Amino acid sequence: MQVTVETTEGLERRVKVQVPEERVQGEVSKRLSNIAQSARLPGFRPGKAPMKVIAQRYGKQVREEVVGEIVQSSFQDAILQERLRPAGNPTIDPLEWESGSGVAYTAVFDVYPEVRLPAIESLKIRRPEAAINDADLDRMLERLRTQRRTWNAVERAATPGDRLVIDFEGTCEGEARDDLKAESFAVEIGAGQLFEAFEDGLVGVEAGQELTLDLHFPSDSGAGSLAGKPGQFKVKVHSVEEAVLPDMDEAFAESFGVKEGGIEKLREEVRANMQRELDEAVRSLTKQRVMEALLAGRSLELPSALVEREVQRSMAAKRLELAHSGYDVEKIELDKQAFEEPARRRVSLGLLIAELIKENGIKADPEEVRARVDGIASTYEDPQEVVRWYYSEPSRLADVESSVLEDTVVAWILERAEIEPETKSFDELLNPGQTQGG
C-alpha cells in the first residue's frame, strides 16, 4: 500500500492511497471460493458450479463489497502510518478500482491543530465570594410575599404596581392586526407584560374608562416586524386592582409547606435554599472565568468540521427550545452566522481542555461521578432505578462523566492559578442587572 500526504491549506490534508490489485484480488477470490461451496445455480448441483461461472454471477458484487471494506481499512492504516488525527469524516474523491488495476482514492479532511497550553500558574482569575446576610433574607421573603399577593378592586386612578383588566385593539400604521387584540387581559403596570409605552399610558386611568393610545412600538428586535413603527390602541378598562400582601404569620409559613416552627422555621428553610443557589452561582461564575482565562489571548486554528458540527448542534438545540415554547419551527429561519462565533469559542475551549487533560493525566473520580448520579436520581420517585439506568449503559453515563471531568479540570486550574478574591452580594450574583432592592 502506497500513501502520500499533501498539505493544502491550513489544517486540510489530502491523503492519496493506492492498494495493489493482489490484495484486492486475493480477498475477492477467497470470498468467491466460499460462495462456490454452497451456491445453487441452474444446471449444477449445490456447490459444484465452476469458479468461472461463480465469478461471472457474483464477481462484480463481491468486488464492490471488498473495495468498500478495503477503503475503510486502508484509510485507518494510512492515518496510523502517517500519524494523522482527522477531525471529522473524510471526503473520498472518486475511486479508481477497475478490475486489474487495484484501488486508488484520495481522502480529504482536516486534522486537529497543535494546541499549546498557557502556563497555568500565570493565569489570573477573579474568584467571586459572597455571603447571605439578614437584609438578603428579608428581601427574599418580601419576594415570596409578592408571589402570594392577592388583588382587590379599587375605585381610583391606576398607579404603577396596580393590575388592570382591559380589552384592547391595536393597529400598526393604520392596519388592524389579530396579534394586537385581546379581551379581559390582566396587565400589571410596570411588570413588562406589554411594552413600556403601552403600560405607561395606563397610569391614571380608572375602571370603566375608554381611551386611545398613540405610540411607537419598541425599536429593538423583540418587536419583530413592528419595531419602531407607529401604532394606535383602543383600550377599555374593566377594573383597577391593587396588590394586597399577606401577613408574615403562621398561615404564610404553612403556604410554603412549613407545618411547624412558623416564620422562624420558614426563614431557616429559605436561607438554606438561598445558600444552595448562591453556591451554584459562585461555582458557575468561577467556572466561566476559568474558561475565559484559559482562552484569553489565544487564537487556535480550528478544523472546519468541528465548528460546523457544533453550529449544527447549537441550531438543533435552539429549534427544540423554540418548539417547546410553542413556535412553529418549520416557519422560522435561523441565522447560521449568529451561531458560528459561539461555536468557535466552544470548540477552542474543548481543544484546550482536552490537551490539558491529556498532558496532566486528569481523570474523573468514579466516586464523584456516582455522587453526581445519586444527586440526579434523588429527584425521582425511584432513585435506585435511575441509578441502574445510568450504569447499565456506558453512553448514558458519558454526559455525567464529562461534566465531572470538566469540574475536575476547573478545580485543578484553581489550585495552580493566581486567584484574586472578589466580594459580591447575593443579589449581584443571583440577580445581576437588578437594583439591590429589586
Protein backbone atom coordinates (compact mmCIF):
# COMPACT_ATOMS: atom_id res chain seq x y z
CA MET A 1 0.00 0.00 0.00
CA GLN A 2 1.36 3.39 -1.02
CA VAL A 3 0.39 6.56 0.91
CA THR A 4 1.21 10.15 0.04
CA VAL A 5 0.16 13.15 2.13
CA GLU A 6 -0.31 16.66 0.77
CA THR A 7 -0.82 19.72 2.98
CA THR A 8 -3.05 22.07 1.00
CA GLU A 9 -4.12 24.97 3.21
CA GLY A 10 -4.26 25.32 6.97
CA LEU A 11 -5.38 22.10 8.59
CA GLU A 12 -6.58 20.39 5.39
CA ARG A 13 -4.80 17.25 4.29
CA ARG A 14 -5.13 15.28 1.04
CA VAL A 15 -4.10 11.68 1.51
CA LYS A 16 -3.74 9.53 -1.61
CA VAL A 17 -3.87 5.79 -1.01
CA GLN A 18 -3.03 3.10 -3.56
CA VAL A 19 -3.83 -0.53 -2.78
CA PRO A 20 -2.28 -3.16 -5.10
CA GLU A 21 -4.51 -5.45 -7.14
CA GLU A 22 -3.01 -8.51 -5.43
CA ARG A 23 -4.64 -7.53 -2.12
CA VAL A 24 -7.99 -6.87 -3.77
CA GLN A 25 -7.98 -9.98 -5.90
CA GLY A 26 -6.84 -12.17 -3.06
CA GLU A 27 -9.84 -11.18 -0.92
CA VAL A 28 -12.23 -11.43 -3.90
CA SER A 29 -11.00 -14.94 -4.72
CA LYS A 30 -11.34 -16.08 -1.12
CA ARG A 31 -14.95 -14.88 -0.93
CA LEU A 32 -15.89 -16.37 -4.30
CA SER A 33 -14.47 -19.71 -3.13
CA ASN A 34 -16.65 -19.57 -0.03
CA ILE A 35 -19.70 -18.78 -2.17
CA ALA A 36 -18.87 -21.64 -4.56
CA GLN A 37 -19.09 -24.19 -1.75
CA SER A 38 -22.82 -23.64 -1.28
CA ALA A 39 -24.03 -21.76 -4.37
CA ARG A 40 -27.16 -23.11 -6.03
CA LEU A 41 -27.12 -22.31 -9.76
CA PRO A 42 -29.35 -23.73 -12.51
CA GLY A 43 -27.76 -26.74 -14.20
CA PHE A 44 -25.30 -27.50 -11.39
CA ARG A 45 -25.51 -29.46 -8.18
CA PRO A 46 -25.16 -27.34 -4.99
CA GLY A 47 -21.52 -26.41 -4.51
CA LYS A 48 -20.43 -27.87 -7.86
CA ALA A 49 -20.63 -24.83 -10.14
CA PRO A 50 -17.28 -23.94 -11.82
CA MET A 51 -15.40 -20.93 -10.44
CA LYS A 52 -15.70 -19.23 -13.84
CA VAL A 53 -19.49 -19.36 -13.56
CA ILE A 54 -19.38 -18.22 -9.92
CA ALA A 55 -17.16 -15.26 -10.90
CA GLN A 56 -19.49 -14.27 -13.73
CA ARG A 57 -22.52 -14.40 -11.43
CA TYR A 58 -21.11 -12.87 -8.23
CA GLY A 59 -17.80 -11.28 -9.18
CA LYS A 60 -18.92 -7.67 -9.60
CA GLN A 61 -20.94 -7.61 -6.39
CA VAL A 62 -18.17 -9.22 -4.36
CA ARG A 63 -15.54 -6.85 -5.74
CA GLU A 64 -17.67 -3.83 -4.81
CA GLU A 65 -18.02 -5.16 -1.26
CA VAL A 66 -14.30 -5.85 -0.99
CA VAL A 67 -13.35 -2.42 -2.36
CA GLY A 68 -15.66 -0.68 0.14
CA GLU A 69 -14.11 -2.57 3.05
CA ILE A 70 -10.57 -2.01 1.78
CA VAL A 71 -11.16 1.73 1.51
CA GLN A 72 -12.22 1.82 5.17
CA SER A 73 -9.43 -0.38 6.47
CA SER A 74 -6.70 1.15 4.30
CA PHE A 75 -7.70 4.66 5.34
CA GLN A 76 -7.34 3.69 9.00
CA ASP A 77 -3.97 2.08 8.23
CA ALA A 78 -2.86 5.19 6.32
CA ILE A 79 -3.66 7.70 9.07
CA LEU A 80 -1.95 5.46 11.64
CA GLN A 81 1.08 5.12 9.41
CA GLU A 82 1.30 8.88 8.84
CA ARG A 83 0.31 9.74 12.44
CA LEU A 84 -2.59 11.92 11.37
CA ARG A 85 -5.58 12.84 13.57
CA PRO A 86 -8.63 13.51 11.38
CA ALA A 87 -11.15 15.98 12.79
CA GLY A 88 -14.35 14.65 11.26
CA ASN A 89 -15.11 12.20 8.48
CA PRO A 90 -13.07 12.39 5.27
CA THR A 91 -14.39 13.23 1.82
CA ILE A 92 -13.39 10.47 -0.56
CA ASP A 93 -12.66 11.62 -4.10
CA PRO A 94 -13.97 9.39 -6.93
CA LEU A 95 -12.47 5.92 -6.70
CA GLU A 96 -10.29 4.17 -9.25
CA TRP A 97 -10.99 0.49 -8.81
CA GLU A 98 -11.43 -1.20 -12.16
CA SER A 99 -10.64 -4.88 -12.17
CA GLY A 100 -6.93 -5.48 -12.59
CA SER A 101 -5.77 -2.03 -11.50
CA GLY A 102 -6.13 -2.22 -7.73
CA VAL A 103 -7.76 0.58 -5.72
CA ALA A 104 -6.74 4.24 -5.60
CA TYR A 105 -8.50 7.11 -3.87
CA THR A 106 -7.86 10.48 -2.27
CA ALA A 107 -9.23 11.28 1.18
CA VAL A 108 -9.60 14.96 2.10
CA PHE A 109 -10.04 16.01 5.73
CA ASP A 110 -8.97 18.48 8.40
CA VAL A 111 -6.62 17.40 11.15
CA TYR A 112 -6.62 18.52 14.76
CA PRO A 113 -4.38 21.55 15.33
CA GLU A 114 -1.34 21.62 17.54
CA VAL A 115 -2.55 23.02 20.85
CA ARG A 116 -0.15 24.90 23.09
CA LEU A 117 -1.38 25.48 26.60
CA PRO A 118 -0.64 28.62 28.58
CA ALA A 119 1.39 28.42 31.77
CA ILE A 120 -1.42 27.71 34.24
CA GLU A 121 0.48 29.44 37.05
CA SER A 122 0.36 32.69 35.03
CA LEU A 123 -3.43 32.74 34.73
CA LYS A 124 -5.16 35.42 36.80
CA ILE A 125 -8.70 34.56 37.86
CA ARG A 126 -11.14 36.68 39.85
CA ARG A 127 -12.97 34.28 42.12
CA PRO A 128 -16.33 35.55 43.48
CA GLU A 129 -17.06 35.30 47.18
CA ALA A 130 -20.42 36.07 48.78
CA ALA A 131 -22.38 35.55 51.98
CA ILE A 132 -26.06 35.80 52.80
CA ASN A 133 -26.95 38.49 55.34
CA ASP A 134 -30.24 39.31 57.08
CA ALA A 135 -31.08 42.02 54.54
CA ASP A 136 -30.75 39.48 51.70
CA LEU A 137 -33.07 37.11 53.56
CA ASP A 138 -35.61 39.86 54.23
CA ARG A 139 -35.66 40.84 50.55
CA MET A 140 -36.23 37.21 49.56
CA LEU A 141 -39.12 36.89 52.00
CA GLU A 142 -40.65 40.05 50.52
CA ARG A 143 -40.40 38.48 47.07
CA LEU A 144 -42.19 35.41 48.44
CA ARG A 145 -44.91 37.67 49.87
CA THR A 146 -45.25 39.25 46.43
CA GLN A 147 -45.71 35.78 44.90
CA ARG A 148 -48.60 35.19 47.32
CA ARG A 149 -50.25 38.57 46.81
CA THR A 150 -53.95 38.92 46.07
CA TRP A 151 -55.73 41.68 44.15
CA ASN A 152 -58.56 43.91 45.34
CA ALA A 153 -60.59 46.18 43.04
CA VAL A 154 -60.29 49.90 43.83
CA GLU A 155 -62.25 52.97 42.76
CA ARG A 156 -59.34 55.28 41.96
CA ALA A 157 -56.88 56.12 39.21
CA ALA A 158 -54.31 53.43 38.36
CA THR A 159 -50.74 53.78 39.61
CA PRO A 160 -47.59 51.75 38.87
CA GLY A 161 -47.87 48.34 40.50
CA ASP A 162 -51.64 48.13 40.05
CA ARG A 163 -53.21 45.41 37.95
CA LEU A 164 -55.75 46.31 35.26
CA VAL A 165 -58.13 44.07 33.36
CA ILE A 166 -58.55 45.53 29.88
CA ASP A 167 -59.74 44.91 26.33
CA PHE A 168 -57.62 46.37 23.55
CA GLU A 169 -57.48 46.50 19.78
CA GLY A 170 -54.37 47.76 18.04
CA THR A 171 -53.29 48.91 14.60
CA CYS A 172 -49.85 49.37 13.10
CA GLU A 173 -49.57 52.15 10.52
CA GLY A 174 -53.36 52.09 10.34
CA GLU A 175 -53.62 48.35 9.68
CA ALA A 176 -55.57 46.21 12.19
CA ARG A 177 -53.83 43.01 13.31
CA ASP A 178 -55.12 39.99 15.22
CA ASP A 179 -51.91 39.79 17.26
CA LEU A 180 -52.62 43.30 18.62
CA LYS A 181 -56.01 42.37 20.05
CA ALA A 182 -57.10 40.87 23.38
CA GLU A 183 -60.07 40.70 25.73
CA SER A 184 -60.05 40.64 29.56
CA PHE A 185 -56.28 40.89 29.55
CA ALA A 186 -54.72 41.28 33.02
CA VAL A 187 -51.71 43.61 32.95
CA GLU A 188 -49.63 44.77 35.91
CA ILE A 189 -48.33 48.27 35.27
CA GLY A 190 -44.55 48.23 35.31
CA ALA A 191 -44.16 44.44 35.12
CA GLY A 192 -43.19 44.44 31.46
CA GLN A 193 -46.01 42.22 30.23
CA LEU A 194 -46.69 44.76 27.49
CA PHE A 195 -44.14 47.17 26.10
CA GLU A 196 -43.22 50.18 28.24
CA ALA A 197 -45.04 52.90 26.28
CA PHE A 198 -48.31 50.94 26.47
CA GLU A 199 -48.07 50.32 30.22
CA ASP A 200 -47.06 53.93 30.88
CA GLY A 201 -50.19 55.03 29.00
CA LEU A 202 -52.36 53.18 31.51
CA VAL A 203 -51.18 55.21 34.50
CA GLY A 204 -54.03 57.41 35.71
CA VAL A 205 -56.93 55.53 34.06
CA GLU A 206 -59.99 54.36 36.02
CA ALA A 207 -62.41 51.44 35.81
CA GLY A 208 -64.96 51.88 33.03
CA GLN A 209 -62.80 54.34 31.10
CA GLU A 210 -62.17 54.03 27.37
CA LEU A 211 -59.12 55.64 25.77
CA THR A 212 -56.92 55.68 22.70
CA LEU A 213 -53.13 55.36 22.95
CA ASP A 214 -50.99 56.76 20.13
CA LEU A 215 -47.45 55.42 20.44
CA HIS A 216 -44.50 53.81 18.68
CA PHE A 217 -43.55 50.18 19.00
CA PRO A 218 -40.14 49.50 20.59
CA SER A 219 -37.21 49.78 18.20
CA ASP A 220 -35.45 46.65 19.48
CA SER A 221 -35.61 43.26 17.77
CA GLY A 222 -38.16 41.97 20.29
CA ALA A 223 -40.89 43.84 18.43
CA GLY A 224 -40.14 41.94 15.22
CA SER A 225 -41.65 43.48 12.08
CA LEU A 226 -43.39 46.15 14.21
CA ALA A 227 -40.11 47.60 15.51
CA GLY A 228 -40.08 51.40 15.53
CA LYS A 229 -43.40 51.77 13.68
CA PRO A 230 -46.31 53.96 14.84
CA GLY A 231 -49.28 52.22 16.43
CA GLN A 232 -52.64 53.03 17.93
CA PHE A 233 -54.57 51.13 20.59
CA LYS A 234 -58.20 51.49 21.61
CA VAL A 235 -58.43 50.39 25.25
CA LYS A 236 -61.39 49.66 27.53
CA VAL A 237 -60.63 49.38 31.26
CA HIS A 238 -62.79 46.85 33.12
CA SER A 239 -61.15 47.14 36.54
CA VAL A 240 -58.27 48.62 38.50
CA GLU A 241 -56.87 46.42 41.28
CA GLU A 242 -54.23 46.95 43.93
CA ALA A 243 -51.97 44.29 45.38
CA VAL A 244 -52.56 43.04 48.93
CA LEU A 245 -49.58 41.30 50.52
CA PRO A 246 -50.17 38.51 53.06
CA ASP A 247 -49.13 38.92 56.67
CA MET A 248 -45.92 37.23 57.76
CA ASP A 249 -47.63 34.74 60.05
CA GLU A 250 -48.17 31.03 60.63
CA ALA A 251 -50.58 30.78 57.68
CA PHE A 252 -47.98 32.35 55.40
CA ALA A 253 -45.36 29.82 56.51
CA GLU A 254 -47.81 26.94 56.02
CA SER A 255 -48.49 28.10 52.45
CA PHE A 256 -44.87 27.10 51.73
CA GLY A 257 -45.21 23.69 53.38
CA VAL A 258 -43.83 24.65 56.80
CA LYS A 259 -46.14 22.83 59.24
CA GLU A 260 -44.24 23.58 62.45
CA GLY A 261 -41.96 26.36 63.60
CA GLY A 262 -43.77 29.21 61.86
CA ILE A 263 -41.89 32.14 60.36
CA GLU A 264 -38.58 31.29 62.05
CA LYS A 265 -38.58 27.83 60.50
CA LEU A 266 -39.53 29.36 57.14
CA ARG A 267 -36.59 31.76 57.44
CA GLU A 268 -34.26 28.80 58.08
CA GLU A 269 -35.50 26.92 55.03
CA VAL A 270 -35.42 29.98 52.79
CA ARG A 271 -31.84 30.75 53.91
CA ALA A 272 -30.81 27.15 53.17
CA ASN A 273 -32.32 27.37 49.67
CA MET A 274 -30.62 30.70 49.10
CA GLN A 275 -27.30 29.19 50.16
CA ARG A 276 -27.69 26.36 47.63
CA GLU A 277 -28.49 28.89 44.90
CA LEU A 278 -25.54 31.04 45.95
CA ASP A 279 -23.12 28.09 45.95
CA GLU A 280 -24.24 27.15 42.45
CA ALA A 281 -23.95 30.75 41.21
CA VAL A 282 -20.41 31.04 42.63
CA ARG A 283 -19.45 27.71 41.06
CA SER A 284 -20.90 28.68 37.69
CA LEU A 285 -19.31 32.14 37.56
CA THR A 286 -15.96 30.78 38.76
CA LYS A 287 -16.04 28.13 36.02
CA GLN A 288 -16.90 30.79 33.44
CA ARG A 289 -13.94 32.91 34.50
CA VAL A 290 -11.56 29.95 34.47
CA MET A 291 -12.59 29.22 30.89
CA GLU A 292 -12.20 32.88 29.93
CA ALA A 293 -8.69 32.93 31.42
CA LEU A 294 -7.75 29.71 29.64
CA LEU A 295 -8.91 31.13 26.30
CA ALA A 296 -7.78 34.76 26.72
CA GLY A 297 -5.36 35.91 24.03
CA ARG A 298 -5.22 32.52 22.35
CA SER A 299 -6.40 32.05 18.78
CA LEU A 300 -6.48 28.45 17.62
CA GLU A 301 -6.70 27.29 14.04
CA LEU A 302 -9.91 25.27 14.10
CA PRO A 303 -10.99 22.29 11.97
CA SER A 304 -13.99 23.42 9.93
CA ALA A 305 -15.68 20.05 10.51
CA LEU A 306 -15.68 20.54 14.28
CA VAL A 307 -17.02 24.08 14.03
CA GLU A 308 -19.75 23.02 11.61
CA ARG A 309 -20.76 20.13 13.87
CA GLU A 310 -21.04 22.49 16.86
CA VAL A 311 -23.03 25.03 14.82
CA GLN A 312 -25.48 22.34 13.75
CA ARG A 313 -25.77 21.04 17.34
CA SER A 314 -26.50 24.56 18.62
CA MET A 315 -29.07 25.24 15.91
CA ALA A 316 -30.81 21.94 16.65
CA ALA A 317 -30.94 22.83 20.36
CA LYS A 318 -32.39 26.25 19.54
CA ARG A 319 -35.08 24.72 17.31
CA LEU A 320 -36.00 22.31 20.11
CA GLU A 321 -36.22 25.21 22.58
CA LEU A 322 -38.47 27.16 20.20
CA ALA A 323 -40.66 24.10 19.60
CA HIS A 324 -41.12 23.62 23.35
CA SER A 325 -42.16 27.29 23.58
CA GLY A 326 -44.93 26.67 21.05
CA TYR A 327 -43.31 28.14 17.94
CA ASP A 328 -43.70 26.52 14.53
CA VAL A 329 -40.02 25.85 13.84
CA GLU A 330 -40.75 24.94 10.21
CA LYS A 331 -41.56 28.61 9.60
CA ILE A 332 -38.54 30.01 11.44
CA GLU A 333 -35.31 30.66 9.54
CA LEU A 334 -32.35 30.67 11.94
CA ASP A 335 -29.36 32.85 11.11
CA LYS A 336 -26.49 30.39 10.90
CA GLN A 337 -23.87 33.13 11.22
CA ALA A 338 -25.21 34.04 14.66
CA PHE A 339 -24.18 30.59 15.91
CA GLU A 340 -20.70 30.49 14.41
CA GLU A 341 -18.72 32.68 16.83
CA PRO A 342 -20.09 30.95 19.98
CA ALA A 343 -19.41 27.60 18.28
CA ARG A 344 -15.80 28.58 17.55
CA ARG A 345 -15.36 29.57 21.19
CA ARG A 346 -16.73 26.26 22.46
CA VAL A 347 -14.59 24.25 20.05
CA SER A 348 -11.49 26.22 21.08
CA LEU A 349 -12.20 25.59 24.76
CA GLY A 350 -12.84 21.92 24.06
CA LEU A 351 -9.44 21.55 22.37
CA LEU A 352 -7.65 23.38 25.17
CA ILE A 353 -9.35 21.32 27.88
CA ALA A 354 -8.69 18.06 26.01
CA GLU A 355 -4.98 18.93 25.75
CA LEU A 356 -4.85 19.88 29.43
CA ILE A 357 -6.44 16.55 30.38
CA LYS A 358 -4.02 14.60 28.17
CA GLU A 359 -0.87 16.39 29.29
CA ASN A 360 -1.66 16.12 33.00
CA GLY A 361 -3.47 12.80 33.16
CA ILE A 362 -6.59 14.32 34.69
CA LYS A 363 -9.46 11.86 35.21
CA ALA A 364 -12.99 11.96 36.57
CA ASP A 365 -13.19 10.45 40.04
CA PRO A 366 -15.63 7.46 39.92
CA GLU A 367 -16.87 8.35 43.41
CA GLU A 368 -17.69 11.89 42.26
CA VAL A 369 -19.46 10.51 39.19
CA ARG A 370 -21.54 8.25 41.43
CA ALA A 371 -22.32 11.16 43.77
CA ARG A 372 -23.47 13.22 40.79
CA VAL A 373 -25.70 10.38 39.55
CA ASP A 374 -27.13 9.94 43.06
CA GLY A 375 -27.93 13.65 43.13
CA ILE A 376 -29.80 13.42 39.83
CA ALA A 377 -31.59 10.24 40.93
CA SER A 378 -32.73 11.76 44.24
CA THR A 379 -35.23 13.96 42.39
CA TYR A 380 -37.09 10.90 41.05
CA GLU A 381 -39.64 8.63 42.69
CA ASP A 382 -37.41 5.54 42.44
CA PRO A 383 -33.77 6.73 42.77
CA GLN A 384 -32.24 3.24 42.58
CA GLU A 385 -33.94 2.55 39.27
CA VAL A 386 -32.48 5.79 37.86
CA VAL A 387 -29.00 4.84 39.09
CA ARG A 388 -29.31 1.40 37.44
CA TRP A 389 -30.45 3.09 34.22
CA TYR A 390 -27.32 5.26 34.10
CA TYR A 391 -24.90 2.45 34.91
CA SER A 392 -26.48 -0.16 32.62
CA GLU A 393 -25.25 1.66 29.51
CA PRO A 394 -21.86 3.47 29.33
CA SER A 395 -23.15 6.01 26.80
CA ARG A 396 -25.76 7.21 29.33
CA LEU A 397 -23.06 7.81 31.89
CA ALA A 398 -20.84 9.70 29.42
CA ASP A 399 -22.52 13.09 29.91
CA VAL A 400 -22.22 12.85 33.69
CA GLU A 401 -18.58 11.78 33.44
CA SER A 402 -17.88 14.66 31.06
CA SER A 403 -19.45 17.15 33.46
CA VAL A 404 -17.46 15.80 36.41
CA LEU A 405 -14.27 15.82 34.35
CA GLU A 406 -14.79 19.45 33.37
CA ASP A 407 -15.34 20.41 37.02
CA THR A 408 -12.18 18.47 37.91
CA VAL A 409 -10.24 20.48 35.33
CA VAL A 410 -11.58 23.74 36.80
CA ALA A 411 -10.53 22.68 40.32
CA TRP A 412 -7.10 21.63 39.00
CA ILE A 413 -6.57 25.06 37.41
CA LEU A 414 -7.79 26.92 40.51
CA GLU A 415 -5.20 25.10 42.62
CA ARG A 416 -2.39 26.44 40.42
CA ALA A 417 -3.55 29.78 39.00
CA GLU A 418 -3.24 33.19 40.63
CA ILE A 419 -6.57 33.79 42.39
CA GLU A 420 -7.92 37.23 43.21
CA PRO A 421 -10.93 37.14 45.60
CA GLU A 422 -13.85 39.34 44.54
CA THR A 423 -16.51 40.15 47.11
CA LYS A 424 -20.06 40.28 45.76
CA SER A 425 -23.50 40.48 47.30
CA PHE A 426 -26.18 37.81 46.97
CA ASP A 427 -28.22 39.97 44.59
CA GLU A 428 -25.20 40.81 42.44
CA LEU A 429 -24.64 37.11 41.84
CA LEU A 430 -28.20 35.85 41.66
CA ASN A 431 -29.94 38.88 40.15
CA PRO A 432 -27.35 40.68 38.00
CA GLY A 433 -28.64 43.90 36.48
CA GLN A 434 -31.25 44.43 39.20
CA THR A 435 -31.12 47.02 41.97
CA GLN A 436 -30.35 45.99 45.49
CA GLY A 437 -33.99 46.23 46.38
CA GLY A 438 -35.25 44.59 43.18
